[in-house]
Amino acid sequence: QVKLVESGGDLVQAGGSLRLSCVFSGRTLSSTVMGWFRQAPGKEREFVAAISATGRRTYYADSVKGRFTISRDNANNGLYLQMNSLKPEDTAAYYCAGRLGGYELTTNGNEYGYWGQGTQVTVSS
């Protein structure tokens, strides 16, 4: 059974940093594209970053490029999001996700079939 569990969300001041973690179970996810999405209250879910199965390829939303870094450790079933220079507009629930198949670093959430329960990130001004 596939399961994803996020952690690391917190309340932080603008300019600060956080590192989100996602522990996944199920052998399928170690060989598929994974990503991070976020959703703020009253807004649609938004793509944040994606990473290939090997970790060699990454892709970021323009809004986080240069500030966030996605990484993975398949040996330990971990997916991570290092977030630096946080802004109030980064406030959202953050979700890790795994693709159902394919190798593209897609930004379309409908291409991801496995989701965690989310972890809240709040950035104060």
PDB file of N, CA and C in Angstrom:
ATOM      1  N   GLN A   1       0.840  -1.190   0.000  1.00  0.00           N
ATOM      2  CA  GLN A   1       0.000   0.000   0.000  1.00  0.00           C
ATOM      3  C   GLN A   1       0.879   1.245   0.000  1.00  0.00           C
ATOM      4  N   VAL A   2       0.542   2.184  -0.851  1.00  0.00           N
ATOM      5  CA  VAL A   2       1.316   3.425  -0.962  1.00  0.00           C
ATOM      6  C   VAL A   2       0.832   4.429   0.070  1.00  0.00           C
ATOM      7  N   LYS A   3       1.785   5.050   0.745  1.00  0.00           N
ATOM      8  CA  LYS A   3       1.438   6.049   1.753  1.00  0.00           C
ATOM      9  C   LYS A   3       2.495   7.142   1.755  1.00  0.00           C
ATOM     10  N   LEU A   4       2.063   8.393   1.893  1.00  0.00           N
ATOM     11  CA  LEU A   4       2.972   9.530   1.961  1.00  0.00           C
ATOM     12  C   LEU A   4       2.630  10.342   3.200  1.00  0.00           C
ATOM     13  N   VAL A   5       3.628  10.698   3.981  1.00  0.00           N
ATOM     14  CA  VAL A   5       3.413  11.452   5.207  1.00  0.00           C
ATOM     15  C   VAL A   5       4.386  12.624   5.247  1.00  0.00           C
ATOM     16  N   GLU A   6       3.819  13.842   5.235  1.00  0.00           N
ATOM     17  CA  GLU A   6       4.636  15.048   5.282  1.00  0.00           C
ATOM     18  C   GLU A   6       4.877  15.494   6.717  1.00  0.00           C
ATOM     19  N   SER A   7       5.944  16.230   6.917  1.00  0.00           N
ATOM     20  CA  SER A   7       6.238  16.855   8.203  1.00  0.00           C
ATOM     21  C   SER A   7       7.145  18.051   7.961  1.00  0.00           C
ATOM     22  N   GLY A   8       7.299  18.863   8.999  1.00  0.00           N
ATOM     23  CA  GLY A   8       8.212  19.993   8.907  1.00  0.00           C
ATOM     24  C   GLY A   8       7.562  21.355   8.802  1.00  0.00           C
ATOM     25  N   GLY A   9       6.243  21.379   8.604  1.00  0.00           N
ATOM     26  CA  GLY A   9       5.566  22.661   8.527  1.00  0.00           C
ATOM     27  C   GLY A   9       5.590  23.384   9.870  1.00  0.00           C
ATOM     28  N   ASP A  10       5.583  24.714   9.796  1.00  0.00           N
ATOM     29  CA  ASP A  10       5.683  25.494  11.042  1.00  0.00           C
ATOM     30  C   ASP A  10       5.330  26.942  10.755  1.00  0.00           C
ATOM     31  N   LEU A  11       5.321  27.727  11.806  1.00  0.00           N
ATOM     32  CA  LEU A  11       5.166  29.175  11.708  1.00  0.00           C
ATOM     33  C   LEU A  11       6.567  29.783  11.702  1.00  0.00           C
ATOM     34  N   VAL A  12       6.856  30.605  10.704  1.00  0.00           N
ATOM     35  CA  VAL A  12       8.182  31.196  10.570  1.00  0.00           C
ATOM     36  C   VAL A  12       8.050  32.631  10.106  1.00  0.00           C
ATOM     37  N   GLN A  13       9.021  33.452  10.462  1.00  0.00           N
ATOM     38  CA  GLN A  13       8.999  34.835  10.029  1.00  0.00           C
ATOM     39  C   GLN A  13       9.488  34.959   8.584  1.00  0.00           C
ATOM     40  N   ALA A  14       9.052  35.996   7.928  1.00  0.00           N
ATOM     41  CA  ALA A  14       9.501  36.265   6.567  1.00  0.00           C
ATOM     42  C   ALA A  14      11.027  36.334   6.539  1.00  0.00           C
ATOM     43  N   GLY A  15      11.608  35.730   5.512  1.00  0.00           N
ATOM     44  CA  GLY A  15      13.053  35.660   5.394  1.00  0.00           C
ATOM     45  C   GLY A  15      13.653  34.412   5.993  1.00  0.00           C
ATOM     46  N   GLY A  16      12.851  33.678   6.740  1.00  0.00           N
ATOM     47  CA  GLY A  16      13.335  32.466   7.380  1.00  0.00           C
ATOM     48  C   GLY A  16      13.328  31.264   6.457  1.00  0.00           C
ATOM     49  N   SER A  17      13.672  30.121   7.026  1.00  0.00           N
ATOM     50  CA  SER A  17      13.794  28.876   6.264  1.00  0.00           C
ATOM     51  C   SER A  17      13.054  27.745   6.958  1.00  0.00           C
ATOM     52  N   LEU A  18      12.625  26.793   6.151  1.00  0.00           N
ATOM     53  CA  LEU A  18      12.021  25.562   6.648  1.00  0.00           C
ATOM     54  C   LEU A  18      12.427  24.432   5.717  1.00  0.00           C
ATOM     55  N   ARG A  19      12.455  23.215   6.256  1.00  0.00           N
ATOM     56  CA  ARG A  19      12.701  22.035   5.442  1.00  0.00           C
ATOM     57  C   ARG A  19      11.551  21.063   5.642  1.00  0.00           C
ATOM     58  N   LEU A  20      10.825  20.826   4.582  1.00  0.00           N
ATOM     59  CA  LEU A  20       9.725  19.869   4.621  1.00  0.00           C
ATOM     60  C   LEU A  20      10.249  18.488   4.244  1.00  0.00           C
ATOM     61  N   SER A  21       9.675  17.485   4.894  1.00  0.00           N
ATOM     62  CA  SER A  21      10.025  16.106   4.595  1.00  0.00           C
ATOM     63  C   SER A  21       8.771  15.326   4.253  1.00  0.00           C
ATOM     64  N   CYS A  22       8.947  14.336   3.418  1.00  0.00           N
ATOM     65  CA  CYS A  22       7.849  13.432   3.056  1.00  0.00           C
ATOM     66  C   CYS A  22       8.428  12.028   3.044  1.00  0.00           C
ATOM     67  N   VAL A  23       7.912  11.204   3.919  1.00  0.00           N
ATOM     68  CA  VAL A  23       8.326   9.804   3.937  1.00  0.00           C
ATOM     69  C   VAL A  23       7.287   9.004   3.176  1.00  0.00           C
ATOM     70  N   PHE A  24       7.741   8.229   2.209  1.00  0.00           N
ATOM     71  CA  PHE A  24       6.794   7.471   1.407  1.00  0.00           C
ATOM     72  C   PHE A  24       7.061   5.981   1.545  1.00  0.00           C
ATOM     73  N   SER A  25       6.011   5.222   1.446  1.00  0.00           N
ATOM     74  CA  SER A  25       6.101   3.768   1.479  1.00  0.00           C
ATOM     75  C   SER A  25       5.515   3.212   0.206  1.00  0.00           C
ATOM     76  N   GLY A  26       5.940   2.042  -0.162  1.00  0.00           N
ATOM     77  CA  GLY A  26       5.484   1.474  -1.420  1.00  0.00           C
ATOM     78  C   GLY A  26       6.594   1.604  -2.435  1.00  0.00           C
ATOM     79  N   ARG A  27       7.046   0.503  -2.939  1.00  0.00           N
ATOM     80  CA  ARG A  27       8.219   0.480  -3.818  1.00  0.00           C
ATOM     81  C   ARG A  27       8.008   1.286  -5.084  1.00  0.00           C
ATOM     82  N   THR A  28       6.780   1.464  -5.507  1.00  0.00           N
ATOM     83  CA  THR A  28       6.461   2.177  -6.738  1.00  0.00           C
ATOM     84  C   THR A  28       7.017   3.596  -6.729  1.00  0.00           C
ATOM     85  N   LEU A  29       6.942   4.283  -5.620  1.00  0.00           N
ATOM     86  CA  LEU A  29       7.287   5.697  -5.587  1.00  0.00           C
ATOM     87  C   LEU A  29       8.772   5.957  -5.723  1.00  0.00           C
ATOM     88  N   SER A  30       9.603   5.010  -5.409  1.00  0.00           N
ATOM     89  CA  SER A  30      11.038   5.231  -5.556  1.00  0.00           C
ATOM     90  C   SER A  30      11.448   5.254  -7.027  1.00  0.00           C
ATOM     91  N   SER A  31      10.582   4.854  -7.926  1.00  0.00           N
ATOM     92  CA  SER A  31      10.905   4.826  -9.346  1.00  0.00           C
ATOM     93  C   SER A  31       9.985   5.719 -10.166  1.00  0.00           C
ATOM     94  N   THR A  32       9.411   6.731  -9.534  1.00  0.00           N
ATOM     95  CA  THR A  32       8.521   7.625 -10.260  1.00  0.00           C
ATOM     96  C   THR A  32       8.808   9.084  -9.938  1.00  0.00           C
ATOM     97  N   VAL A  33       8.318   9.955 -10.769  1.00  0.00           N
ATOM     98  CA  VAL A  33       8.424  11.393 -10.532  1.00  0.00           C
ATOM     99  C   VAL A  33       7.629  11.759  -9.277  1.00  0.00           C
ATOM    100  N   MET A  34       8.185  12.630  -8.476  1.00  0.00           N
ATOM    101  CA  MET A  34       7.479  13.111  -7.300  1.00  0.00           C
ATOM    102  C   MET A  34       7.518  14.633  -7.280  1.00  0.00           C
ATOM    103  N   GLY A  35       6.591  15.202  -6.530  1.00  0.00           N
ATOM    104  CA  GLY A  35       6.521  16.655  -6.524  1.00  0.00           C
ATOM    105  C   GLY A  35       5.949  17.204  -5.235  1.00  0.00           C
ATOM    106  N   TRP A  36       6.024  18.510  -5.132  1.00  0.00           N
ATOM    107  CA  TRP A  36       5.403  19.248  -4.036  1.00  0.00           C
ATOM    108  C   TRP A  36       4.387  20.225  -4.630  1.00  0.00           C
ATOM    109  N   PHE A  37       3.238  20.293  -4.000  1.00  0.00           N
ATOM    110  CA  PHE A  37       2.194  21.243  -4.344  1.00  0.00           C
ATOM    111  C   PHE A  37       1.810  21.993  -3.084  1.00  0.00           C
ATOM    112  N   ARG A  38       1.107  23.092  -3.251  1.00  0.00           N
ATOM    113  CA  ARG A  38       0.610  23.827  -2.090  1.00  0.00           C
ATOM    114  C   ARG A  38      -0.750  24.409  -2.388  1.00  0.00           C
ATOM    115  N   GLN A  39      -1.495  24.655  -1.325  1.00  0.00           N
ATOM    116  CA  GLN A  39      -2.812  25.251  -1.459  1.00  0.00           C
ATOM    117  C   GLN A  39      -3.068  26.195  -0.306  1.00  0.00           C
ATOM    118  N   ALA A  40      -3.307  27.445  -0.643  1.00  0.00           N
ATOM    119  CA  ALA A  40      -3.637  28.461   0.346  1.00  0.00           C
ATOM    120  C   ALA A  40      -5.158  28.540   0.478  1.00  0.00           C
ATOM    121  N   PRO A  41      -5.665  29.007   1.609  1.00  0.00           N
ATOM    122  CA  PRO A  41      -7.108  29.107   1.796  1.00  0.00           C
ATOM    123  C   PRO A  41      -7.761  29.944   0.696  1.00  0.00           C
ATOM    124  N   GLY A  42      -8.804  29.417   0.103  1.00  0.00           N
ATOM    125  CA  GLY A  42      -9.533  30.138  -0.922  1.00  0.00           C
ATOM    126  C   GLY A  42      -8.876  30.148  -2.284  1.00  0.00           C
ATOM    127  N   LYS A  43      -7.766  29.431  -2.421  1.00  0.00           N
ATOM    128  CA  LYS A  43      -7.051  29.404  -3.693  1.00  0.00           C
ATOM    129  C   LYS A  43      -6.957  27.976  -4.217  1.00  0.00           C
ATOM    130  N   GLU A  44      -6.675  27.874  -5.505  1.00  0.00           N
ATOM    131  CA  GLU A  44      -6.504  26.557  -6.107  1.00  0.00           C
ATOM    132  C   GLU A  44      -5.147  25.975  -5.740  1.00  0.00           C
ATOM    133  N   ARG A  45      -5.082  24.645  -5.841  1.00  0.00           N
ATOM    134  CA  ARG A  45      -3.806  23.973  -5.625  1.00  0.00           C
ATOM    135  C   ARG A  45      -2.779  24.451  -6.647  1.00  0.00           C
ATOM    136  N   GLU A  46      -1.551  24.615  -6.203  1.00  0.00           N
ATOM    137  CA  GLU A  46      -0.505  25.212  -7.022  1.00  0.00           C
ATOM    138  C   GLU A  46       0.725  24.312  -7.026  1.00  0.00           C
ATOM    139  N   PHE A  47       1.279  24.111  -8.201  1.00  0.00           N
ATOM    140  CA  PHE A  47       2.524  23.349  -8.339  1.00  0.00           C
ATOM    141  C   PHE A  47       3.679  24.134  -7.727  1.00  0.00           C
ATOM    142  N   VAL A  48       4.566  23.423  -7.034  1.00  0.00           N
ATOM    143  CA  VAL A  48       5.738  24.061  -6.446  1.00  0.00           C
ATOM    144  C   VAL A  48       7.027  23.545  -7.096  1.00  0.00           C
ATOM    145  N   ALA A  49       7.215  22.217  -7.090  1.00  0.00           N
ATOM    146  CA  ALA A  49       8.457  21.654  -7.620  1.00  0.00           C
ATOM    147  C   ALA A  49       8.251  20.181  -7.921  1.00  0.00           C
ATOM    148  N   ALA A  50       9.070  19.655  -8.834  1.00  0.00           N
ATOM    149  CA  ALA A  50       9.031  18.240  -9.177  1.00  0.00           C
ATOM    150  C   ALA A  50      10.453  17.724  -9.354  1.00  0.00           C
ATOM    151  N   ILE A  51      10.599  16.414  -9.178  1.00  0.00           N
ATOM    152  CA  ILE A  51      11.920  15.796  -9.279  1.00  0.00           C
ATOM    153  C   ILE A  51      11.781  14.434  -9.942  1.00  0.00           C
ATOM    154  N   SER A  52      12.763  14.090 -10.765  1.00  0.00           N
ATOM    155  CA  SER A  52      12.724  12.806 -11.446  1.00  0.00           C
ATOM    156  C   SER A  52      13.007  11.670 -10.468  1.00  0.00           C
ATOM    157  N   ALA A  53      12.800  10.459 -10.927  1.00  0.00           N
ATOM    158  CA  ALA A  53      12.972   9.294 -10.061  1.00  0.00           C
ATOM    159  C   ALA A  53      14.403   9.188  -9.524  1.00  0.00           C
ATOM    160  N   THR A  54      15.381   9.529 -10.354  1.00  0.00           N
ATOM    161  CA  THR A  54      16.779   9.444  -9.926  1.00  0.00           C
ATOM    162  C   THR A  54      17.247  10.685  -9.177  1.00  0.00           C
ATOM    163  N   GLY A  55      16.452  11.751  -9.263  1.00  0.00           N
ATOM    164  CA  GLY A  55      16.847  13.001  -8.631  1.00  0.00           C
ATOM    165  C   GLY A  55      17.704  13.897  -9.499  1.00  0.00           C
ATOM    166  N   ARG A  56      18.001  13.466 -10.709  1.00  0.00           N
ATOM    167  CA  ARG A  56      18.905  14.244 -11.563  1.00  0.00           C
ATOM    168  C   ARG A  56      18.220  15.442 -12.213  1.00  0.00           C
ATOM    169  N   ARG A  57      16.913  15.348 -12.374  1.00  0.00           N
ATOM    170  CA  ARG A  57      16.181  16.444 -13.002  1.00  0.00           C
ATOM    171  C   ARG A  57      15.201  17.045 -12.006  1.00  0.00           C
ATOM    172  N   THR A  58      15.152  18.370 -12.000  1.00  0.00           N
ATOM    173  CA  THR A  58      14.211  19.089 -11.148  1.00  0.00           C
ATOM    174  C   THR A  58      13.560  20.202 -11.946  1.00  0.00           C
ATOM    175  N   TYR A  59      12.408  20.634 -11.462  1.00  0.00           N
ATOM    176  CA  TYR A  59      11.685  21.719 -12.117  1.00  0.00           C
ATOM    177  C   TYR A  59      10.929  22.481 -11.048  1.00  0.00           C
ATOM    178  N   TYR A  60      10.911  23.820 -11.180  1.00  0.00           N
ATOM    179  CA  TYR A  60      10.316  24.664 -10.163  1.00  0.00           C
ATOM    180  C   TYR A  60       9.321  25.657 -10.757  1.00  0.00           C
ATOM    181  N   ALA A  61       8.350  26.009  -9.960  1.00  0.00           N
ATOM    182  CA  ALA A  61       7.480  27.120 -10.315  1.00  0.00           C
ATOM    183  C   ALA A  61       8.307  28.402 -10.265  1.00  0.00           C
ATOM    184  N   ASP A  62       7.971  29.329 -11.112  1.00  0.00           N
ATOM    185  CA  ASP A  62       8.718  30.589 -11.156  1.00  0.00           C
ATOM    186  C   ASP A  62       8.697  31.299  -9.807  1.00  0.00           C
ATOM    187  N   SER A  63       7.612  31.145  -9.077  1.00  0.00           N
ATOM    188  CA  SER A  63       7.443  31.857  -7.812  1.00  0.00           C
ATOM    189  C   SER A  63       8.406  31.384  -6.725  1.00  0.00           C
ATOM    190  N   VAL A  64       8.980  30.193  -6.886  1.00  0.00           N
ATOM    191  CA  VAL A  64       9.874  29.656  -5.851  1.00  0.00           C
ATOM    192  C   VAL A  64      11.282  29.415  -6.365  1.00  0.00           C
ATOM    193  N   LYS A  65      11.490  29.581  -7.649  1.00  0.00           N
ATOM    194  CA  LYS A  65      12.794  29.305  -8.239  1.00  0.00           C
ATOM    195  C   LYS A  65      13.871  30.164  -7.582  1.00  0.00           C
ATOM    196  N   GLY A  66      14.971  29.537  -7.213  1.00  0.00           N
ATOM    197  CA  GLY A  66      16.061  30.252  -6.557  1.00  0.00           C
ATOM    198  C   GLY A  66      15.928  30.313  -5.049  1.00  0.00           C
ATOM    199  N   ARG A  67      14.749  29.973  -4.528  1.00  0.00           N
ATOM    200  CA  ARG A  67      14.530  29.995  -3.076  1.00  0.00           C
ATOM    201  C   ARG A  67      14.282  28.597  -2.510  1.00  0.00           C
ATOM    202  N   PHE A  68      13.638  27.744  -3.283  1.00  0.00           N
ATOM    203  CA  PHE A  68      13.290  26.394  -2.837  1.00  0.00           C
ATOM    204  C   PHE A  68      14.157  25.367  -3.569  1.00  0.00           C
ATOM    205  N   THR A  69      14.445  24.254  -2.885  1.00  0.00           N
ATOM    206  CA  THR A  69      15.200  23.158  -3.487  1.00  0.00           C
ATOM    207  C   THR A  69      14.517  21.835  -3.155  1.00  0.00           C
ATOM    208  N   ILE A  70      14.175  21.086  -4.184  1.00  0.00           N
ATOM    209  CA  ILE A  70      13.588  19.768  -3.996  1.00  0.00           C
ATOM    210  C   ILE A  70      14.681  18.714  -4.107  1.00  0.00           C
ATOM    211  N   SER A  71      14.584  17.687  -3.281  1.00  0.00           N
ATOM    212  CA  SER A  71      15.548  16.592  -3.327  1.00  0.00           C
ATOM    213  C   SER A  71      14.868  15.321  -2.852  1.00  0.00           C
ATOM    214  N   ARG A  72      15.540  14.191  -3.073  1.00  0.00           N
ATOM    215  CA  ARG A  72      14.972  12.922  -2.646  1.00  0.00           C
ATOM    216  C   ARG A  72      16.085  11.966  -2.249  1.00  0.00           C
ATOM    217  N   ASP A  73      15.730  11.021  -1.414  1.00  0.00           N
ATOM    218  CA  ASP A  73      16.638   9.972  -0.964  1.00  0.00           C
ATOM    219  C   ASP A  73      15.871   8.664  -1.048  1.00  0.00           C
ATOM    220  N   ASN A  74      15.980   8.004  -2.175  1.00  0.00           N
ATOM    221  CA  ASN A  74      15.177   6.789  -2.386  1.00  0.00           C
ATOM    222  C   ASN A  74      15.574   5.664  -1.428  1.00  0.00           C
ATOM    223  N   ALA A  75      16.810   5.646  -1.016  1.00  0.00           N
ATOM    224  CA  ALA A  75      17.253   4.592  -0.092  1.00  0.00           C
ATOM    225  C   ALA A  75      16.510   4.670   1.237  1.00  0.00           C
ATOM    226  N   ASN A  76      16.128   5.900   1.588  1.00  0.00           N
ATOM    227  CA  ASN A  76      15.411   6.105   2.845  1.00  0.00           C
ATOM    228  C   ASN A  76      13.966   6.546   2.633  1.00  0.00           C
ATOM    229  N   ASN A  77      13.495   6.378   1.390  1.00  0.00           N
ATOM    230  CA  ASN A  77      12.098   6.706   1.067  1.00  0.00           C
ATOM    231  C   ASN A  77      11.733   8.132   1.472  1.00  0.00           C
ATOM    232  N   GLY A  78      12.608   9.079   1.163  1.00  0.00           N
ATOM    233  CA  GLY A  78      12.369  10.452   1.562  1.00  0.00           C
ATOM    234  C   GLY A  78      12.335  11.433   0.407  1.00  0.00           C
ATOM    235  N   LEU A  79      11.431  12.383   0.491  1.00  0.00           N
ATOM    236  CA  LEU A  79      11.329  13.505  -0.437  1.00  0.00           C
ATOM    237  C   LEU A  79      11.396  14.768   0.416  1.00  0.00           C
ATOM    238  N   TYR A  80      12.136  15.777  -0.053  1.00  0.00           N
ATOM    239  CA  TYR A  80      12.371  16.954   0.773  1.00  0.00           C
ATOM    240  C   TYR A  80      12.150  18.234  -0.019  1.00  0.00           C
ATOM    241  N   LEU A  81      11.839  19.298   0.716  1.00  0.00           N
ATOM    242  CA  LEU A  81      11.720  20.615   0.126  1.00  0.00           C
ATOM    243  C   LEU A  81      12.380  21.610   1.071  1.00  0.00           C
ATOM    244  N   GLN A  82      13.543  22.095   0.685  1.00  0.00           N
ATOM    245  CA  GLN A  82      14.223  23.124   1.447  1.00  0.00           C
ATOM    246  C   GLN A  82      13.709  24.478   0.982  1.00  0.00           C
ATOM    247  N   MET A  83      13.175  25.244   1.913  1.00  0.00           N
ATOM    248  CA  MET A  83      12.567  26.524   1.577  1.00  0.00           C
ATOM    249  C   MET A  83      13.322  27.644   2.282  1.00  0.00           C
ATOM    250  N   ASN A  84      13.936  28.513   1.511  1.00  0.00           N
ATOM    251  CA  ASN A  84      14.683  29.644   2.049  1.00  0.00           C
ATOM    252  C   ASN A  84      14.027  30.959   1.631  1.00  0.00           C
ATOM    253  N   SER A  85      14.406  32.012   2.309  1.00  0.00           N
ATOM    254  CA  SER A  85      13.874  33.351   1.992  1.00  0.00           C
ATOM    255  C   SER A  85      12.356  33.329   1.883  1.00  0.00           C
ATOM    256  N   LEU A  86      11.730  32.744   2.857  1.00  0.00           N
ATOM    257  CA  LEU A  86      10.274  32.588   2.816  1.00  0.00           C
ATOM    258  C   LEU A  86       9.560  33.927   2.846  1.00  0.00           C
ATOM    259  N   LYS A  87       8.436  33.980   2.139  1.00  0.00           N
ATOM    260  CA  LYS A  87       7.617  35.181   2.032  1.00  0.00           C
ATOM    261  C   LYS A  87       6.214  34.873   2.559  1.00  0.00           C
ATOM    262  N   PRO A  88       5.485  35.878   2.996  1.00  0.00           N
ATOM    263  CA  PRO A  88       4.112  35.644   3.458  1.00  0.00           C
ATOM    264  C   PRO A  88       3.256  34.935   2.408  1.00  0.00           C
ATOM    265  N   GLU A  89       3.501  35.204   1.142  1.00  0.00           N
ATOM    266  CA  GLU A  89       2.721  34.553   0.085  1.00  0.00           C
ATOM    267  C   GLU A  89       3.046  33.074  -0.081  1.00  0.00           C
ATOM    268  N   ASP A  90       4.045  32.572   0.636  1.00  0.00           N
ATOM    269  CA  ASP A  90       4.330  31.134   0.640  1.00  0.00           C
ATOM    270  C   ASP A  90       3.443  30.382   1.632  1.00  0.00           C
ATOM    271  N   THR A  91       2.673  31.120   2.410  1.00  0.00           N
ATOM    272  CA  THR A  91       1.787  30.496   3.387  1.00  0.00           C
ATOM    273  C   THR A  91       0.769  29.604   2.692  1.00  0.00           C
ATOM    274  N   ALA A  92       0.735  28.338   3.087  1.00  0.00           N
ATOM    275  CA  ALA A  92      -0.163  27.364   2.465  1.00  0.00           C
ATOM    276  C   ALA A  92       0.014  26.010   3.142  1.00  0.00           C
ATOM    277  N   ALA A  93      -0.890  25.110   2.833  1.00  0.00           N
ATOM    278  CA  ALA A  93      -0.676  23.703   3.163  1.00  0.00           C
ATOM    279  C   ALA A  93       0.132  23.093   2.027  1.00  0.00           C
ATOM    280  N   TYR A  94       1.187  22.396   2.372  1.00  0.00           N
ATOM    281  CA  TYR A  94       2.088  21.805   1.379  1.00  0.00           C
ATOM    282  C   TYR A  94       1.877  20.288   1.335  1.00  0.00           C
ATOM    283  N   TYR A  95       1.781  19.772   0.113  1.00  0.00           N
ATOM    284  CA  TYR A  95       1.504  18.359  -0.108  1.00  0.00           C
ATOM    285  C   TYR A  95       2.601  17.732  -0.971  1.00  0.00           C
ATOM    286  N   CYS A  96       3.051  16.553  -0.592  1.00  0.00           N
ATOM    287  CA  CYS A  96       3.922  15.794  -1.483  1.00  0.00           C
ATOM    288  C   CYS A  96       3.057  14.844  -2.299  1.00  0.00           C
ATOM    289  N   ALA A  97       3.527  14.532  -3.487  1.00  0.00           N
ATOM    290  CA  ALA A  97       2.738  13.723  -4.401  1.00  0.00           C
ATOM    291  C   ALA A  97       3.635  12.872  -5.280  1.00  0.00           C
ATOM    292  N   GLY A  98       3.113  11.726  -5.704  1.00  0.00           N
ATOM    293  CA  GLY A  98       3.828  10.837  -6.597  1.00  0.00           C
ATOM    294  C   GLY A  98       3.041  10.614  -7.870  1.00  0.00           C
ATOM    295  N   ARG A  99       3.742  10.604  -8.992  1.00  0.00           N
ATOM    296  CA  ARG A  99       3.066  10.403 -10.273  1.00  0.00           C
ATOM    297  C   ARG A  99       2.634   8.951 -10.417  1.00  0.00           C
ATOM    298  N   LEU A 100       1.576   8.774 -11.176  1.00  0.00           N
ATOM    299  CA  LEU A 100       1.084   7.424 -11.473  1.00  0.00           C
ATOM    300  C   LEU A 100       1.977   6.734 -12.491  1.00  0.00           C
ATOM    301  N   GLY A 101       2.618   7.511 -13.361  1.00  0.00           N
ATOM    302  CA  GLY A 101       3.477   6.942 -14.394  1.00  0.00           C
ATOM    303  C   GLY A 101       4.005   8.062 -15.250  1.00  0.00           C
ATOM    304  N   GLY A 102       4.931   7.757 -16.138  1.00  0.00           N
ATOM    305  CA  GLY A 102       5.502   8.784 -16.994  1.00  0.00           C
ATOM    306  C   GLY A 102       6.762   9.360 -16.383  1.00  0.00           C
ATOM    307  N   TYR A 103       7.512  10.056 -17.232  1.00  0.00           N
ATOM    308  CA  TYR A 103       8.802  10.571 -16.806  1.00  0.00           C
ATOM    309  C   TYR A 103       8.885  12.098 -16.842  1.00  0.00           C
ATOM    310  N   GLU A 104       7.845  12.734 -17.340  1.00  0.00           N
ATOM    311  CA  GLU A 104       7.871  14.196 -17.413  1.00  0.00           C
ATOM    312  C   GLU A 104       7.705  14.809 -16.031  1.00  0.00           C
ATOM    313  N   LEU A 105       8.374  15.929 -15.823  1.00  0.00           N
ATOM    314  CA  LEU A 105       8.233  16.657 -14.564  1.00  0.00           C
ATOM    315  C   LEU A 105       7.026  17.581 -14.707  1.00  0.00           C
ATOM    316  N   THR A 106       5.865  16.963 -14.724  1.00  0.00           N
ATOM    317  CA  THR A 106       4.640  17.697 -15.004  1.00  0.00           C
ATOM    318  C   THR A 106       4.209  18.568 -13.844  1.00  0.00           C
ATOM    319  N   THR A 107       3.592  19.692 -14.167  1.00  0.00           N
ATOM    320  CA  THR A 107       3.060  20.604 -13.155  1.00  0.00           C
ATOM    321  C   THR A 107       1.580  20.343 -12.903  1.00  0.00           C
ATOM    322  N   ASN A 108       1.004  19.420 -13.668  1.00  0.00           N
ATOM    323  CA  ASN A 108      -0.428  19.129 -13.580  1.00  0.00           C
ATOM    324  C   ASN A 108      -0.700  18.167 -12.437  1.00  0.00           C
ATOM    325  N   GLY A 109      -1.395  18.627 -11.439  1.00  0.00           N
ATOM    326  CA  GLY A 109      -1.680  17.801 -10.279  1.00  0.00           C
ATOM    327  C   GLY A 109      -2.489  16.562 -10.606  1.00  0.00           C
ATOM    328  N   ASN A 110      -3.249  16.594 -11.676  1.00  0.00           N
ATOM    329  CA  ASN A 110      -4.065  15.429 -12.064  1.00  0.00           C
ATOM    330  C   ASN A 110      -3.211  14.257 -12.536  1.00  0.00           C
ATOM    331  N   GLU A 111      -1.940  14.525 -12.839  1.00  0.00           N
ATOM    332  CA  GLU A 111      -1.036  13.448 -13.265  1.00  0.00           C
ATOM    333  C   GLU A 111      -0.412  12.730 -12.063  1.00  0.00           C
ATOM    334  N   TYR A 112      -0.691  13.221 -10.871  1.00  0.00           N
ATOM    335  CA  TYR A 112      -0.147  12.613  -9.663  1.00  0.00           C
ATOM    336  C   TYR A 112      -1.266  11.843  -8.968  1.00  0.00           C
ATOM    337  N   GLY A 113      -1.021  10.575  -8.715  1.00  0.00           N
ATOM    338  CA  GLY A 113      -2.079   9.745  -8.150  1.00  0.00           C
ATOM    339  C   GLY A 113      -1.946   9.477  -6.667  1.00  0.00           C
ATOM    340  N   TYR A 114      -0.800   9.818  -6.110  1.00  0.00           N
ATOM    341  CA  TYR A 114      -0.551   9.541  -4.696  1.00  0.00           C
ATOM    342  C   TYR A 114      -0.267  10.855  -3.965  1.00  0.00           C
ATOM    343  N   TRP A 115      -0.977  11.052  -2.867  1.00  0.00           N
ATOM    344  CA  TRP A 115      -0.878  12.325  -2.148  1.00  0.00           C
ATOM    345  C   TRP A 115      -0.741  12.086  -0.650  1.00  0.00           C
ATOM    346  N   GLY A 116      -0.002  12.991   0.006  1.00  0.00           N
ATOM    347  CA  GLY A 116       0.049  12.995   1.452  1.00  0.00           C
ATOM    348  C   GLY A 116      -1.089  13.817   2.024  1.00  0.00           C
ATOM    349  N   GLN A 117      -1.107  13.935   3.340  1.00  0.00           N
ATOM    350  CA  GLN A 117      -2.202  14.631   4.006  1.00  0.00           C
ATOM    351  C   GLN A 117      -1.924  16.127   4.159  1.00  0.00           C
ATOM    352  N   GLY A 118      -0.687  16.547   3.921  1.00  0.00           N
ATOM    353  CA  GLY A 118      -0.343  17.959   3.962  1.00  0.00           C
ATOM    354  C   GLY A 118       0.285  18.391   5.271  1.00  0.00           C
ATOM    355  N   THR A 119       1.098  19.436   5.188  1.00  0.00           N
ATOM    356  CA  THR A 119       1.701  20.051   6.368  1.00  0.00           C
ATOM    357  C   THR A 119       1.614  21.568   6.187  1.00  0.00           C
ATOM    358  N   GLN A 120       1.244  22.275   7.244  1.00  0.00           N
ATOM    359  CA  GLN A 120       0.963  23.705   7.149  1.00  0.00           C
ATOM    360  C   GLN A 120       2.229  24.537   7.325  1.00  0.00           C
ATOM    361  N   VAL A 121       2.421  25.453   6.400  1.00  0.00           N
ATOM    362  CA  VAL A 121       3.502  26.434   6.484  1.00  0.00           C
ATOM    363  C   VAL A 121       2.876  27.819   6.576  1.00  0.00           C
ATOM    364  N   THR A 122       3.228  28.546   7.618  1.00  0.00           N
ATOM    365  CA  THR A 122       2.713  29.896   7.801  1.00  0.00           C
ATOM    366  C   THR A 122       3.889  30.848   7.938  1.00  0.00           C
ATOM    367  N   VAL A 123       3.922  31.854   7.085  1.00  0.00           N
ATOM    368  CA  VAL A 123       5.000  32.825   7.091  1.00  0.00           C
ATOM    369  C   VAL A 123       4.438  34.173   7.519  1.00  0.00           C
ATOM    370  N   SER A 124       4.933  34.692   8.625  1.00  0.00           N
ATOM    371  CA  SER A 124       4.447  35.975   9.134  1.00  0.00           C
ATOM    372  C   SER A 124       5.320  37.107   8.619  1.00  0.00           C
ATOM    373  N   SER A 125       4.685  38.264   8.436  1.00  0.00           N
ATOM    374  CA  SER A 125       5.414  39.424   7.906  1.00  0.00           C
ATOM    375  C   SER A 125       6.045  40.225   9.018  1.00  0.00           C
TER     376      SER A 125
END
